[in-house]
Amino acid sequence: LDHSLSRNLLDYREVALSEFLDRCSEFD
């Protein structure tokens, strides 16, 4: 995902489960 061929194709971030559950509406 950090490779030069793919890094501009999507916006991603690493999150803990607690953050995902609190903010899941922000993720596609």
mmCIF file of all heavy atoms, coordinates in Angstrom:
data_MODEL
# 
_entry.id   MODEL 
# 
loop_
_atom_site.group_PDB 
_atom_site.id 
_atom_site.type_symbol 
_atom_site.label_atom_id 
_atom_site.label_alt_id 
_atom_site.label_comp_id 
_atom_site.label_asym_id 
_atom_site.label_entity_id 
_atom_site.label_seq_id 
_atom_site.pdbx_PDB_ins_code 
_atom_site.Cartn_x 
_atom_site.Cartn_y 
_atom_site.Cartn_z 
_atom_site.occupancy 
_atom_site.B_iso_or_equiv 
_atom_site.pdbx_formal_charge 
_atom_site.auth_seq_id 
_atom_site.auth_comp_id 
_atom_site.auth_asym_id 
_atom_site.auth_atom_id 
_atom_site.pdbx_PDB_model_num 
ATOM 1   N N   . LEU A 1 1  ? 0.817   -1.210 0.000   1.00 0.00 ? 1  LEU A N   1 
ATOM 2   C CA  . LEU A 1 1  ? 0.000   0.000  0.000   1.00 0.00 ? 1  LEU A CA  1 
ATOM 3   C C   . LEU A 1 1  ? 0.853   1.263  0.000   1.00 0.00 ? 1  LEU A C   1 
ATOM 4   O O   . LEU A 1 1  ? 0.416   2.320  -0.476  1.00 0.00 ? 1  LEU A O   1 
ATOM 5   C CB  . LEU A 1 1  ? -0.929  0.002  1.209   1.00 0.00 ? 1  LEU A CB  1 
ATOM 6   C CG  . LEU A 1 1  ? -2.073  -1.016 1.172   1.00 0.00 ? 1  LEU A CG  1 
ATOM 7   C CD1 . LEU A 1 1  ? -2.816  -1.029 2.499   1.00 0.00 ? 1  LEU A CD1 1 
ATOM 8   C CD2 . LEU A 1 1  ? -3.033  -0.724 0.024   1.00 0.00 ? 1  LEU A CD2 1 
ATOM 9   N N   . ASP A 1 2  ? 2.072   1.153  0.540   1.00 0.00 ? 2  ASP A N   1 
ATOM 10  C CA  . ASP A 1 2  ? 2.985   2.297  0.549   1.00 0.00 ? 2  ASP A CA  1 
ATOM 11  C C   . ASP A 1 2  ? 3.831   2.376  -0.721  1.00 0.00 ? 2  ASP A C   1 
ATOM 12  O O   . ASP A 1 2  ? 4.609   3.318  -0.880  1.00 0.00 ? 2  ASP A O   1 
ATOM 13  C CB  . ASP A 1 2  ? 3.924   2.220  1.763   1.00 0.00 ? 2  ASP A CB  1 
ATOM 14  C CG  . ASP A 1 2  ? 3.213   2.575  3.055   1.00 0.00 ? 2  ASP A CG  1 
ATOM 15  O OD1 . ASP A 1 2  ? 2.173   3.246  2.997   1.00 0.00 ? 2  ASP A OD1 1 
ATOM 16  O OD2 . ASP A 1 2  ? 3.693   2.162  4.135   1.00 0.00 ? 2  ASP A OD2 1 
ATOM 17  N N   . HIS A 1 3  ? 3.693   1.406  -1.594  1.00 0.00 ? 3  HIS A N   1 
ATOM 18  C CA  . HIS A 1 3  ? 4.491   1.365  -2.819  1.00 0.00 ? 3  HIS A CA  1 
ATOM 19  C C   . HIS A 1 3  ? 4.133   2.547  -3.716  1.00 0.00 ? 3  HIS A C   1 
ATOM 20  O O   . HIS A 1 3  ? 2.997   3.032  -3.728  1.00 0.00 ? 3  HIS A O   1 
ATOM 21  C CB  . HIS A 1 3  ? 4.242   0.048  -3.555  1.00 0.00 ? 3  HIS A CB  1 
ATOM 22  C CG  . HIS A 1 3  ? 5.245   -0.244 -4.615  1.00 0.00 ? 3  HIS A CG  1 
ATOM 23  N ND1 . HIS A 1 3  ? 5.182   0.315  -5.883  1.00 0.00 ? 3  HIS A ND1 1 
ATOM 24  C CD2 . HIS A 1 3  ? 6.357   -1.032 -4.606  1.00 0.00 ? 3  HIS A CD2 1 
ATOM 25  C CE1 . HIS A 1 3  ? 6.187   -0.128 -6.599  1.00 0.00 ? 3  HIS A CE1 1 
ATOM 26  N NE2 . HIS A 1 3  ? 6.922   -0.940 -5.862  1.00 0.00 ? 3  HIS A NE2 1 
ATOM 27  N N   . SER A 1 4  ? 5.109   3.016  -4.482  1.00 0.00 ? 4  SER A N   1 
ATOM 28  C CA  . SER A 1 4  ? 4.906   4.184  -5.337  1.00 0.00 ? 4  SER A CA  1 
ATOM 29  C C   . SER A 1 4  ? 3.795   3.969  -6.367  1.00 0.00 ? 4  SER A C   1 
ATOM 30  O O   . SER A 1 4  ? 3.174   4.929  -6.825  1.00 0.00 ? 4  SER A O   1 
ATOM 31  C CB  . SER A 1 4  ? 6.210   4.545  -6.059  1.00 0.00 ? 4  SER A CB  1 
ATOM 32  O OG  . SER A 1 4  ? 6.671   3.461  -6.857  1.00 0.00 ? 4  SER A OG  1 
ATOM 33  N N   . LEU A 1 5  ? 3.535   2.716  -6.745  1.00 0.00 ? 5  LEU A N   1 
ATOM 34  C CA  . LEU A 1 5  ? 2.504   2.443  -7.737  1.00 0.00 ? 5  LEU A CA  1 
ATOM 35  C C   . LEU A 1 5  ? 1.094   2.477  -7.152  1.00 0.00 ? 5  LEU A C   1 
ATOM 36  O O   . LEU A 1 5  ? 0.116   2.522  -7.902  1.00 0.00 ? 5  LEU A O   1 
ATOM 37  C CB  . LEU A 1 5  ? 2.749   1.075  -8.381  1.00 0.00 ? 5  LEU A CB  1 
ATOM 38  C CG  . LEU A 1 5  ? 4.019   0.931  -9.219  1.00 0.00 ? 5  LEU A CG  1 
ATOM 39  C CD1 . LEU A 1 5  ? 4.151   -0.488 -9.755  1.00 0.00 ? 5  LEU A CD1 1 
ATOM 40  C CD2 . LEU A 1 5  ? 4.019   1.934  -10.374 1.00 0.00 ? 5  LEU A CD2 1 
ATOM 41  N N   . SER A 1 6  ? 0.980   2.440  -5.830  1.00 0.00 ? 6  SER A N   1 
ATOM 42  C CA  . SER A 1 6  ? -0.350  2.362  -5.234  1.00 0.00 ? 6  SER A CA  1 
ATOM 43  C C   . SER A 1 6  ? -0.646  3.430  -4.197  1.00 0.00 ? 6  SER A C   1 
ATOM 44  O O   . SER A 1 6  ? -1.812  3.638  -3.853  1.00 0.00 ? 6  SER A O   1 
ATOM 45  C CB  . SER A 1 6  ? -0.529  0.980  -4.571  1.00 0.00 ? 6  SER A CB  1 
ATOM 46  O OG  . SER A 1 6  ? 0.479   0.745  -3.604  1.00 0.00 ? 6  SER A OG  1 
ATOM 47  N N   . ARG A 1 7  ? 0.382   4.128  -3.714  1.00 0.00 ? 7  ARG A N   1 
ATOM 48  C CA  . ARG A 1 7  ? 0.151   5.024  -2.577  1.00 0.00 ? 7  ARG A CA  1 
ATOM 49  C C   . ARG A 1 7  ? -0.808  6.176  -2.894  1.00 0.00 ? 7  ARG A C   1 
ATOM 50  O O   . ARG A 1 7  ? -1.443  6.719  -1.989  1.00 0.00 ? 7  ARG A O   1 
ATOM 51  C CB  . ARG A 1 7  ? 1.463   5.582  -2.045  1.00 0.00 ? 7  ARG A CB  1 
ATOM 52  C CG  . ARG A 1 7  ? 2.178   6.565  -2.942  1.00 0.00 ? 7  ARG A CG  1 
ATOM 53  C CD  . ARG A 1 7  ? 3.288   7.276  -2.165  1.00 0.00 ? 7  ARG A CD  1 
ATOM 54  N NE  . ARG A 1 7  ? 4.351   6.376  -1.798  1.00 0.00 ? 7  ARG A NE  1 
ATOM 55  C CZ  . ARG A 1 7  ? 5.541   6.342  -2.389  1.00 0.00 ? 7  ARG A CZ  1 
ATOM 56  N NH1 . ARG A 1 7  ? 5.793   7.172  -3.399  1.00 0.00 ? 7  ARG A NH1 1 
ATOM 57  N NH2 . ARG A 1 7  ? 6.473   5.505  -2.001  1.00 0.00 ? 7  ARG A NH2 1 
ATOM 58  N N   . ASN A 1 8  ? -0.916  6.539  -4.165  1.00 0.00 ? 8  ASN A N   1 
ATOM 59  C CA  . ASN A 1 8  ? -1.809  7.640  -4.526  1.00 0.00 ? 8  ASN A CA  1 
ATOM 60  C C   . ASN A 1 8  ? -3.198  7.177  -4.956  1.00 0.00 ? 8  ASN A C   1 
ATOM 61  O O   . ASN A 1 8  ? -4.046  8.003  -5.316  1.00 0.00 ? 8  ASN A O   1 
ATOM 62  C CB  . ASN A 1 8  ? -1.177  8.478  -5.645  1.00 0.00 ? 8  ASN A CB  1 
ATOM 63  C CG  . ASN A 1 8  ? 0.099   9.181  -5.204  1.00 0.00 ? 8  ASN A CG  1 
ATOM 64  O OD1 . ASN A 1 8  ? 0.191   9.638  -4.065  1.00 0.00 ? 8  ASN A OD1 1 
ATOM 65  N ND2 . ASN A 1 8  ? 1.068   9.247  -6.098  1.00 0.00 ? 8  ASN A ND2 1 
ATOM 66  N N   . LEU A 1 9  ? -3.415  5.874  -4.915  1.00 0.00 ? 9  LEU A N   1 
ATOM 67  C CA  . LEU A 1 9  ? -4.693  5.344  -5.361  1.00 0.00 ? 9  LEU A CA  1 
ATOM 68  C C   . LEU A 1 9  ? -5.746  5.333  -4.264  1.00 0.00 ? 9  LEU A C   1 
ATOM 69  O O   . LEU A 1 9  ? -6.942  5.261  -4.537  1.00 0.00 ? 9  LEU A O   1 
ATOM 70  C CB  . LEU A 1 9  ? -4.508  3.921  -5.910  1.00 0.00 ? 9  LEU A CB  1 
ATOM 71  C CG  . LEU A 1 9  ? -3.581  3.783  -7.127  1.00 0.00 ? 9  LEU A CG  1 
ATOM 72  C CD1 . LEU A 1 9  ? -3.464  2.321  -7.539  1.00 0.00 ? 9  LEU A CD1 1 
ATOM 73  C CD2 . LEU A 1 9  ? -4.097  4.633  -8.285  1.00 0.00 ? 9  LEU A CD2 1 
ATOM 74  N N   . LEU A 1 10 ? -5.299  5.374  -3.013  1.00 0.00 ? 10 LEU A N   1 
ATOM 75  C CA  . LEU A 1 10 ? -6.240  5.352  -1.911  1.00 0.00 ? 10 LEU A CA  1 
ATOM 76  C C   . LEU A 1 10 ? -5.612  5.983  -0.683  1.00 0.00 ? 10 LEU A C   1 
ATOM 77  O O   . LEU A 1 10 ? -4.390  6.095  -0.564  1.00 0.00 ? 10 LEU A O   1 
ATOM 78  C CB  . LEU A 1 10 ? -6.683  3.929  -1.586  1.00 0.00 ? 10 LEU A CB  1 
ATOM 79  C CG  . LEU A 1 10 ? -5.714  2.996  -0.838  1.00 0.00 ? 10 LEU A CG  1 
ATOM 80  C CD1 . LEU A 1 10 ? -6.456  1.778  -0.347  1.00 0.00 ? 10 LEU A CD1 1 
ATOM 81  C CD2 . LEU A 1 10 ? -4.547  2.569  -1.722  1.00 0.00 ? 10 LEU A CD2 1 
ATOM 82  N N   . ASP A 1 11 ? -6.464  6.381  0.219   1.00 0.00 ? 11 ASP A N   1 
ATOM 83  C CA  . ASP A 1 11 ? -6.030  6.979  1.485   1.00 0.00 ? 11 ASP A CA  1 
ATOM 84  C C   . ASP A 1 11 ? -6.326  5.972  2.586   1.00 0.00 ? 11 ASP A C   1 
ATOM 85  O O   . ASP A 1 11 ? -7.484  5.616  2.812   1.00 0.00 ? 11 ASP A O   1 
ATOM 86  C CB  . ASP A 1 11 ? -6.781  8.283  1.732   1.00 0.00 ? 11 ASP A CB  1 
ATOM 87  C CG  . ASP A 1 11 ? -6.406  8.924  3.062   1.00 0.00 ? 11 ASP A CG  1 
ATOM 88  O OD1 . ASP A 1 11 ? -5.291  8.645  3.545   1.00 0.00 ? 11 ASP A OD1 1 
ATOM 89  O OD2 . ASP A 1 11 ? -7.223  9.676  3.614   1.00 0.00 ? 11 ASP A OD2 1 
ATOM 90  N N   . TYR A 1 12 ? -5.290  5.466  3.245   1.00 0.00 ? 12 TYR A N   1 
ATOM 91  C CA  . TYR A 1 12 ? -5.512  4.476  4.285   1.00 0.00 ? 12 TYR A CA  1 
ATOM 92  C C   . TYR A 1 12 ? -4.760  4.876  5.543   1.00 0.00 ? 12 TYR A C   1 
ATOM 93  O O   . TYR A 1 12 ? -3.806  5.626  5.514   1.00 0.00 ? 12 TYR A O   1 
ATOM 94  C CB  . TYR A 1 12 ? -5.058  3.088  3.821   1.00 0.00 ? 12 TYR A CB  1 
ATOM 95  C CG  . TYR A 1 12 ? -3.596  2.791  4.064   1.00 0.00 ? 12 TYR A CG  1 
ATOM 96  C CD1 . TYR A 1 12 ? -3.198  2.106  5.210   1.00 0.00 ? 12 TYR A CD1 1 
ATOM 97  C CD2 . TYR A 1 12 ? -2.610  3.209  3.173   1.00 0.00 ? 12 TYR A CD2 1 
ATOM 98  C CE1 . TYR A 1 12 ? -1.856  1.852  5.446   1.00 0.00 ? 12 TYR A CE1 1 
ATOM 99  C CE2 . TYR A 1 12 ? -1.275  2.958  3.399   1.00 0.00 ? 12 TYR A CE2 1 
ATOM 100 C CZ  . TYR A 1 12 ? -0.907  2.267  4.543   1.00 0.00 ? 12 TYR A CZ  1 
ATOM 101 O OH  . TYR A 1 12 ? 0.423   2.015  4.788   1.00 0.00 ? 12 TYR A OH  1 
ATOM 102 N N   . ARG A 1 13 ? -5.206  4.339  6.642   1.00 0.00 ? 13 ARG A N   1 
ATOM 103 C CA  . ARG A 1 13 ? -4.479  4.512  7.891   1.00 0.00 ? 13 ARG A CA  1 
ATOM 104 C C   . ARG A 1 13 ? -4.686  3.282  8.772   1.00 0.00 ? 13 ARG A C   1 
ATOM 105 O O   . ARG A 1 13 ? -5.697  2.589  8.666   1.00 0.00 ? 13 ARG A O   1 
ATOM 106 C CB  . ARG A 1 13 ? -4.902  5.780  8.622   1.00 0.00 ? 13 ARG A CB  1 
ATOM 107 C CG  . ARG A 1 13 ? -6.303  5.810  9.189   1.00 0.00 ? 13 ARG A CG  1 
ATOM 108 C CD  . ARG A 1 13 ? -6.509  7.127  9.948   1.00 0.00 ? 13 ARG A CD  1 
ATOM 109 N NE  . ARG A 1 13 ? -7.781  7.228  10.623  1.00 0.00 ? 13 ARG A NE  1 
ATOM 110 C CZ  . ARG A 1 13 ? -8.852  7.822  10.122  1.00 0.00 ? 13 ARG A CZ  1 
ATOM 111 N NH1 . ARG A 1 13 ? -8.784  8.345  8.906   1.00 0.00 ? 13 ARG A NH1 1 
ATOM 112 N NH2 . ARG A 1 13 ? -9.980  7.896  10.806  1.00 0.00 ? 13 ARG A NH2 1 
ATOM 113 N N   . GLU A 1 14 ? -3.701  3.035  9.615   1.00 0.00 ? 14 GLU A N   1 
ATOM 114 C CA  . GLU A 1 14 ? -3.752  1.899  10.530  1.00 0.00 ? 14 GLU A CA  1 
ATOM 115 C C   . GLU A 1 14 ? -4.425  2.350  11.817  1.00 0.00 ? 14 GLU A C   1 
ATOM 116 O O   . GLU A 1 14 ? -4.033  3.351  12.411  1.00 0.00 ? 14 GLU A O   1 
ATOM 117 C CB  . GLU A 1 14 ? -2.344  1.398  10.826  1.00 0.00 ? 14 GLU A CB  1 
ATOM 118 C CG  . GLU A 1 14 ? -1.555  1.025  9.573   1.00 0.00 ? 14 GLU A CG  1 
ATOM 119 C CD  . GLU A 1 14 ? -0.063  1.167  9.774   1.00 0.00 ? 14 GLU A CD  1 
ATOM 120 O OE1 . GLU A 1 14 ? 0.411   0.887  10.896  1.00 0.00 ? 14 GLU A OE1 1 
ATOM 121 O OE2 . GLU A 1 14 ? 0.608   1.589  8.828   1.00 0.00 ? 14 GLU A OE2 1 
ATOM 122 N N   . VAL A 1 15 ? -5.436  1.609  12.240  1.00 0.00 ? 15 VAL A N   1 
ATOM 123 C CA  . VAL A 1 15 ? -6.178  1.988  13.438  1.00 0.00 ? 15 VAL A CA  1 
ATOM 124 C C   . VAL A 1 15 ? -6.414  0.768  14.326  1.00 0.00 ? 15 VAL A C   1 
ATOM 125 O O   . VAL A 1 15 ? -6.445  -0.370 13.850  1.00 0.00 ? 15 VAL A O   1 
ATOM 126 C CB  . VAL A 1 15 ? -7.541  2.619  13.091  1.00 0.00 ? 15 VAL A CB  1 
ATOM 127 C CG1 . VAL A 1 15 ? -7.355  3.904  12.295  1.00 0.00 ? 15 VAL A CG1 1 
ATOM 128 C CG2 . VAL A 1 15 ? -8.425  1.639  12.326  1.00 0.00 ? 15 VAL A CG2 1 
ATOM 129 N N   . ALA A 1 16 ? -6.560  1.026  15.607  1.00 0.00 ? 16 ALA A N   1 
ATOM 130 C CA  . ALA A 1 16 ? -6.963  -0.010 16.548  1.00 0.00 ? 16 ALA A CA  1 
ATOM 131 C C   . ALA A 1 16 ? -8.465  -0.246 16.407  1.00 0.00 ? 16 ALA A C   1 
ATOM 132 O O   . ALA A 1 16 ? -9.207  0.600  15.885  1.00 0.00 ? 16 ALA A O   1 
ATOM 133 C CB  . ALA A 1 16 ? -6.626  0.423  17.977  1.00 0.00 ? 16 ALA A CB  1 
ATOM 134 N N   . LEU A 1 17 ? -8.921  -1.382 16.877  1.00 0.00 ? 17 LEU A N   1 
ATOM 135 C CA  . LEU A 1 17 ? -10.338 -1.704 16.766  1.00 0.00 ? 17 LEU A CA  1 
ATOM 136 C C   . LEU A 1 17 ? -11.193 -0.649 17.458  1.00 0.00 ? 17 LEU A C   1 
ATOM 137 O O   . LEU A 1 17 ? -12.251 -0.264 16.941  1.00 0.00 ? 17 LEU A O   1 
ATOM 138 C CB  . LEU A 1 17 ? -10.618 -3.078 17.367  1.00 0.00 ? 17 LEU A CB  1 
ATOM 139 C CG  . LEU A 1 17 ? -12.088 -3.503 17.396  1.00 0.00 ? 17 LEU A CG  1 
ATOM 140 C CD1 . LEU A 1 17 ? -12.647 -3.588 15.991  1.00 0.00 ? 17 LEU A CD1 1 
ATOM 141 C CD2 . LEU A 1 17 ? -12.249 -4.822 18.132  1.00 0.00 ? 17 LEU A CD2 1 
ATOM 142 N N   . SER A 1 18 ? -10.758 -0.172 18.609  1.00 0.00 ? 18 SER A N   1 
ATOM 143 C CA  . SER A 1 18 ? -11.543 0.819  19.352  1.00 0.00 ? 18 SER A CA  1 
ATOM 144 C C   . SER A 1 18 ? -11.775 2.072  18.519  1.00 0.00 ? 18 SER A C   1 
ATOM 145 O O   . SER A 1 18 ? -12.889 2.631  18.509  1.00 0.00 ? 18 SER A O   1 
ATOM 146 C CB  . SER A 1 18 ? -10.836 1.176  20.660  1.00 0.00 ? 18 SER A CB  1 
ATOM 147 O OG  . SER A 1 18 ? -9.523  1.659  20.411  1.00 0.00 ? 18 SER A OG  1 
ATOM 148 N N   . GLU A 1 19 ? -10.754 2.536  17.807  1.00 0.00 ? 19 GLU A N   1 
ATOM 149 C CA  . GLU A 1 19 ? -10.913 3.728  16.965  1.00 0.00 ? 19 GLU A CA  1 
ATOM 150 C C   . GLU A 1 19 ? -11.837 3.439  15.798  1.00 0.00 ? 19 GLU A C   1 
ATOM 151 O O   . GLU A 1 19 ? -12.670 4.282  15.421  1.00 0.00 ? 19 GLU A O   1 
ATOM 152 C CB  . GLU A 1 19 ? -9.556  4.211  16.463  1.00 0.00 ? 19 GLU A CB  1 
ATOM 153 C CG  . GLU A 1 19 ? -9.652  5.452  15.588  1.00 0.00 ? 19 GLU A CG  1 
ATOM 154 C CD  . GLU A 1 19 ? -8.307  5.917  15.054  1.00 0.00 ? 19 GLU A CD  1 
ATOM 155 O OE1 . GLU A 1 19 ? -7.269  5.368  15.481  1.00 0.00 ? 19 GLU A OE1 1 
ATOM 156 O OE2 . GLU A 1 19 ? -8.297  6.828  14.201  1.00 0.00 ? 19 GLU A OE2 1 
ATOM 157 N N   . PHE A 1 20 ? -11.702 2.259  15.214  1.00 0.00 ? 20 PHE A N   1 
ATOM 158 C CA  . PHE A 1 20 ? -12.575 1.896  14.095  1.00 0.00 ? 20 PHE A CA  1 
ATOM 159 C C   . PHE A 1 20 ? -14.031 1.885  14.527  1.00 0.00 ? 20 PHE A C   1 
ATOM 160 O O   . PHE A 1 20 ? -14.916 2.400  13.819  1.00 0.00 ? 20 PHE A O   1 
ATOM 161 C CB  . PHE A 1 20 ? -12.176 0.536  13.536  1.00 0.00 ? 20 PHE A CB  1 
ATOM 162 C CG  . PHE A 1 20 ? -13.050 0.059  12.413  1.00 0.00 ? 20 PHE A CG  1 
ATOM 163 C CD1 . PHE A 1 20 ? -12.872 0.533  11.124  1.00 0.00 ? 20 PHE A CD1 1 
ATOM 164 C CD2 . PHE A 1 20 ? -14.062 -0.856 12.657  1.00 0.00 ? 20 PHE A CD2 1 
ATOM 165 C CE1 . PHE A 1 20 ? -13.690 0.107  10.085  1.00 0.00 ? 20 PHE A CE1 1 
ATOM 166 C CE2 . PHE A 1 20 ? -14.885 -1.286 11.629  1.00 0.00 ? 20 PHE A CE2 1 
ATOM 167 C CZ  . PHE A 1 20 ? -14.696 -0.812 10.343  1.00 0.00 ? 20 PHE A CZ  1 
ATOM 168 N N   . LEU A 1 21 ? -14.312 1.312  15.691  1.00 0.00 ? 21 LEU A N   1 
ATOM 169 C CA  . LEU A 1 21 ? -15.692 1.230  16.160  1.00 0.00 ? 21 LEU A CA  1 
ATOM 170 C C   . LEU A 1 21 ? -16.258 2.616  16.461  1.00 0.00 ? 21 LEU A C   1 
ATOM 171 O O   . LEU A 1 21 ? -17.440 2.866  16.216  1.00 0.00 ? 21 LEU A O   1 
ATOM 172 C CB  . LEU A 1 21 ? -15.758 0.353  17.416  1.00 0.00 ? 21 LEU A CB  1 
ATOM 173 C CG  . LEU A 1 21 ? -15.399 -1.126 17.224  1.00 0.00 ? 21 LEU A CG  1 
ATOM 174 C CD1 . LEU A 1 21 ? -15.453 -1.859 18.550  1.00 0.00 ? 21 LEU A CD1 1 
ATOM 175 C CD2 . LEU A 1 21 ? -16.295 -1.795 16.195  1.00 0.00 ? 21 LEU A CD2 1 
ATOM 176 N N   . ASP A 1 22 ? -15.418 3.498  16.976  1.00 0.00 ? 22 ASP A N   1 
ATOM 177 C CA  . ASP A 1 22 ? -15.883 4.847  17.312  1.00 0.00 ? 22 ASP A CA  1 
ATOM 178 C C   . ASP A 1 22 ? -16.101 5.708  16.074  1.00 0.00 ? 22 ASP A C   1 
ATOM 179 O O   . ASP A 1 22 ? -16.939 6.616  16.084  1.00 0.00 ? 22 ASP A O   1 
ATOM 180 C CB  . ASP A 1 22 ? -14.873 5.550  18.231  1.00 0.00 ? 22 ASP A CB  1 
ATOM 181 C CG  . ASP A 1 22 ? -14.845 4.957  19.629  1.00 0.00 ? 22 ASP A CG  1 
ATOM 182 O OD1 . ASP A 1 22 ? -15.825 4.283  20.008  1.00 0.00 ? 22 ASP A OD1 1 
ATOM 183 O OD2 . ASP A 1 22 ? -13.834 5.145  20.337  1.00 0.00 ? 22 ASP A OD2 1 
ATOM 184 N N   . ARG A 1 23 ? -15.346 5.413  14.990  1.00 0.00 ? 23 ARG A N   1 
ATOM 185 C CA  . ARG A 1 23 ? -15.359 6.308  13.831  1.00 0.00 ? 23 ARG A CA  1 
ATOM 186 C C   . ARG A 1 23 ? -15.613 5.543  12.530  1.00 0.00 ? 23 ARG A C   1 
ATOM 187 O O   . ARG A 1 23 ? -15.183 5.962  11.465  1.00 0.00 ? 23 ARG A O   1 
ATOM 188 C CB  . ARG A 1 23 ? -14.023 7.044  13.749  1.00 0.00 ? 23 ARG A CB  1 
ATOM 189 C CG  . ARG A 1 23 ? -13.643 7.759  15.039  1.00 0.00 ? 23 ARG A CG  1 
ATOM 190 C CD  . ARG A 1 23 ? -12.250 8.321  15.011  1.00 0.00 ? 23 ARG A CD  1 
ATOM 191 N NE  . ARG A 1 23 ? -12.093 9.361  14.011  1.00 0.00 ? 23 ARG A NE  1 
ATOM 192 C CZ  . ARG A 1 23 ? -10.963 10.054 13.818  1.00 0.00 ? 23 ARG A CZ  1 
ATOM 193 N NH1 . ARG A 1 23 ? -9.901  9.783  14.560  1.00 0.00 ? 23 ARG A NH1 1 
ATOM 194 N NH2 . ARG A 1 23 ? -10.914 10.982 12.900  1.00 0.00 ? 23 ARG A NH2 1 
ATOM 195 N N   . CYS A 1 24 ? -16.327 4.432  12.614  1.00 0.00 ? 24 CYS A N   1 
ATOM 196 C CA  . CYS A 1 24 ? -16.472 3.571  11.441  1.00 0.00 ? 24 CYS A CA  1 
ATOM 197 C C   . CYS A 1 24 ? -17.193 4.265  10.287  1.00 0.00 ? 24 CYS A C   1 
ATOM 198 O O   . CYS A 1 24 ? -17.004 3.905  9.124   1.00 0.00 ? 24 CYS A O   1 
ATOM 199 C CB  . CYS A 1 24 ? -17.165 2.266  11.811  1.00 0.00 ? 24 CYS A CB  1 
ATOM 200 S SG  . CYS A 1 24 ? -18.824 2.462  12.490  1.00 0.00 ? 24 CYS A SG  1 
ATOM 201 N N   . SER A 1 25 ? -17.995 5.267  10.577  1.00 0.00 ? 25 SER A N   1 
ATOM 202 C CA  . SER A 1 25 ? -18.703 5.961  9.510   1.00 0.00 ? 25 SER A CA  1 
ATOM 203 C C   . SER A 1 25 ? -17.752 6.731  8.593   1.00 0.00 ? 25 SER A C   1 
ATOM 204 O O   . SER A 1 25 ? -18.135 7.114  7.486   1.00 0.00 ? 25 SER A O   1 
ATOM 205 C CB  . SER A 1 25 ? -19.732 6.938  10.098  1.00 0.00 ? 25 SER A CB  1 
ATOM 206 O OG  . SER A 1 25 ? -19.098 7.926  10.891  1.00 0.00 ? 25 SER A OG  1 
ATOM 207 N N   . GLU A 1 26 ? -16.498 6.925  9.036   1.00 0.00 ? 26 GLU A N   1 
ATOM 208 C CA  . GLU A 1 26 ? -15.519 7.661  8.231   1.00 0.00 ? 26 GLU A CA  1 
ATOM 209 C C   . GLU A 1 26 ? -14.833 6.767  7.201   1.00 0.00 ? 26 GLU A C   1 
ATOM 210 O O   . GLU A 1 26 ? -14.132 7.269  6.322   1.00 0.00 ? 26 GLU A O   1 
ATOM 211 C CB  . GLU A 1 26 ? -14.457 8.289  9.135   1.00 0.00 ? 26 GLU A CB  1 
ATOM 212 C CG  . GLU A 1 26 ? -15.008 9.280  10.154  1.00 0.00 ? 26 GLU A CG  1 
ATOM 213 C CD  . GLU A 1 26 ? -13.924 9.815  11.073  1.00 0.00 ? 26 GLU A CD  1 
ATOM 214 O OE1 . GLU A 1 26 ? -12.721 9.583  10.765  1.00 0.00 ? 26 GLU A OE1 1 
ATOM 215 O OE2 . GLU A 1 26 ? -14.262 10.454 12.088  1.00 0.00 ? 26 GLU A OE2 1 
ATOM 216 N N   . PHE A 1 27 ? -15.034 5.462  7.292   1.00 0.00 ? 27 PHE A N   1 
ATOM 217 C CA  . PHE A 1 27 ? -14.306 4.525  6.434   1.00 0.00 ? 27 PHE A CA  1 
ATOM 218 C C   . PHE A 1 27 ? -15.192 3.983  5.327   1.00 0.00 ? 27 PHE A C   1 
ATOM 219 O O   . PHE A 1 27 ? -16.356 3.636  5.553   1.00 0.00 ? 27 PHE A O   1 
ATOM 220 C CB  . PHE A 1 27 ? -13.752 3.363  7.273   1.00 0.00 ? 27 PHE A CB  1 
ATOM 221 C CG  . PHE A 1 27 ? -12.783 3.781  8.334   1.00 0.00 ? 27 PHE A CG  1 
ATOM 222 C CD1 . PHE A 1 27 ? -13.206 3.990  9.636   1.00 0.00 ? 27 PHE A CD1 1 
ATOM 223 C CD2 . PHE A 1 27 ? -11.445 3.966  8.026   1.00 0.00 ? 27 PHE A CD2 1 
ATOM 224 C CE1 . PHE A 1 27 ? -12.313 4.377  10.621  1.00 0.00 ? 27 PHE A CE1 1 
ATOM 225 C CE2 . PHE A 1 27 ? -10.533 4.354  9.010   1.00 0.00 ? 27 PHE A CE2 1 
ATOM 226 C CZ  . PHE A 1 27 ? -10.983 4.569  10.311  1.00 0.00 ? 27 PHE A CZ  1 
ATOM 227 N N   . ASP A 1 28 ? -14.621 3.906  4.131   1.00 0.00 ? 28 ASP A N   1 
ATOM 228 C CA  . ASP A 1 28 ? -15.322 3.298  3.001   1.00 0.00 ? 28 ASP A CA  1 
ATOM 229 C C   . ASP A 1 28 ? -15.148 1.785  2.979   1.00 0.00 ? 28 ASP A C   1 
ATOM 230 O O   . ASP A 1 28 ? -15.998 1.064  2.442   1.00 0.00 ? 28 ASP A O   1 
ATOM 231 C CB  . ASP A 1 28 ? -14.797 3.878  1.684   1.00 0.00 ? 28 ASP A CB  1 
ATOM 232 C CG  . ASP A 1 28 ? -15.050 5.369  1.570   1.00 0.00 ? 28 ASP A CG  1 
ATOM 233 O OD1 . ASP A 1 28 ? -16.195 5.794  1.836   1.00 0.00 ? 28 ASP A OD1 1 
ATOM 234 O OD2 . ASP A 1 28 ? -14.108 6.108  1.239   1.00 0.00 ? 28 ASP A OD2 1 
# 
